[in-house]
């Protein structure tokens, strides 16, 4: 798993929840951060563990560049070449 997190939808995280269609607790989302999907399975550790082993796999990222298509490789290279001032802008 690349990231597991929680968001306080009633507090500072409201905009994140609104942007991702989170309307209640607990809501579990998974997948590409730009296209998150709703998790519809069981909530026990066993259910989640089995589902994770069957569905979660490495995705394109800086640490898994071989899994990226040419367009994403170029975008990653562009950002890696930027200095910190350019990244902040």
Protein backbone atom coordinates (compact mmCIF):
# COMPACT_ATOMS: atom_id res chain seq x y z
CA UNK A 1 0.00 0.00 0.00
CA UNK A 2 1.42 3.37 -0.98
CA UNK A 3 -0.63 5.47 1.39
CA UNK A 4 -3.16 4.95 4.14
CA UNK A 5 -4.59 8.02 5.77
CA UNK A 6 -7.50 9.56 7.57
CA UNK A 7 -9.20 12.89 7.07
CA UNK A 8 -11.30 14.92 9.49
CA UNK A 9 -14.21 15.81 7.20
CA UNK A 10 -15.77 18.07 9.83
CA UNK A 11 -12.58 20.07 10.29
CA UNK A 12 -9.58 21.08 8.20
CA UNK A 13 -10.07 18.16 5.79
CA UNK A 14 -13.55 19.20 4.60
CA UNK A 15 -12.31 20.29 1.16
CA UNK A 16 -10.53 16.94 0.66
CA UNK A 17 -13.71 15.07 1.60
CA UNK A 18 -15.86 17.23 -0.67
CA UNK A 19 -13.48 16.75 -3.61
CA UNK A 20 -13.52 12.95 -3.18
CA UNK A 21 -17.23 12.42 -2.53
CA UNK A 22 -16.81 11.33 1.08
CA UNK A 23 -20.17 11.72 2.80
CA UNK A 24 -19.96 9.50 5.88
CA UNK A 25 -17.72 7.62 8.26
CA UNK A 26 -16.13 5.24 7.67
CA UNK A 27 -15.53 5.69 3.95
CA UNK A 28 -12.72 3.73 2.37
CA UNK A 29 -11.28 4.75 -0.99
CA UNK A 30 -8.59 3.04 -3.02
CA UNK A 31 -6.77 3.26 -6.34
CA UNK A 32 -5.18 5.96 -8.42
CA UNK A 33 -5.22 9.23 -6.44
CA UNK A 34 -6.68 11.00 -9.48
CA UNK A 35 -9.55 8.49 -9.77
CA UNK A 36 -10.26 6.98 -6.35
CA UNK A 37 -12.77 4.13 -6.15
CA UNK A 38 -15.11 3.22 -3.30
CA UNK A 39 -14.24 0.10 -1.31
CA UNK A 40 -17.37 -2.01 -0.95
CA UNK A 41 -16.04 -5.07 0.88
CA UNK A 42 -16.16 -6.27 4.47
CA UNK A 43 -14.69 -4.28 7.34
CA UNK A 44 -12.98 -6.99 9.41
CA UNK A 45 -9.20 -7.31 9.34
CA UNK A 46 -9.53 -10.64 7.55
CA UNK A 47 -11.80 -9.14 4.87
CA UNK A 48 -9.54 -6.14 4.31
CA UNK A 49 -6.37 -8.24 4.32
CA UNK A 50 -7.74 -10.71 1.75
CA UNK A 51 -9.04 -7.90 -0.46
CA UNK A 52 -5.72 -6.02 -0.29
CA UNK A 53 -3.70 -9.10 -1.26
CA UNK A 54 -6.00 -9.71 -4.24
CA UNK A 55 -6.38 -6.13 -5.49
CA UNK A 56 -3.57 -3.81 -4.47
CA UNK A 57 -0.45 -3.76 -6.58
CA UNK A 58 2.41 -1.36 -7.31
CA UNK A 59 1.53 1.57 -9.55
CA UNK A 60 3.46 4.12 -11.56
CA UNK A 61 5.49 6.34 -9.24
CA UNK A 62 8.99 7.71 -8.75
CA UNK A 63 9.93 4.47 -6.99
CA UNK A 64 8.22 2.31 -9.64
CA UNK A 65 9.18 4.20 -12.80
CA UNK A 66 9.20 1.00 -14.90
CA UNK A 67 5.42 0.80 -14.42
CA UNK A 68 4.88 4.25 -15.99
CA UNK A 69 3.97 4.99 -19.58
CA UNK A 70 6.19 7.38 -21.56
CA UNK A 71 3.98 10.39 -20.80
CA UNK A 72 4.14 9.86 -17.04
CA UNK A 73 7.89 9.11 -17.19
CA UNK A 74 8.41 12.47 -18.94
CA UNK A 75 6.29 14.30 -16.36
CA UNK A 76 8.21 12.71 -13.48
CA UNK A 77 11.53 13.61 -15.14
CA UNK A 78 10.34 17.21 -15.60
CA UNK A 79 9.54 17.59 -11.90
CA UNK A 80 12.72 15.82 -10.80
CA UNK A 81 14.76 18.33 -12.83
CA UNK A 82 13.15 21.34 -11.11
CA UNK A 83 14.80 23.05 -8.16
CA UNK A 84 12.86 23.59 -4.94
CA UNK A 85 11.95 27.21 -5.83
CA UNK A 86 10.37 26.11 -9.12
CA UNK A 87 8.47 23.30 -7.39
CA UNK A 88 7.01 25.73 -4.84
CA UNK A 89 5.82 28.17 -7.54
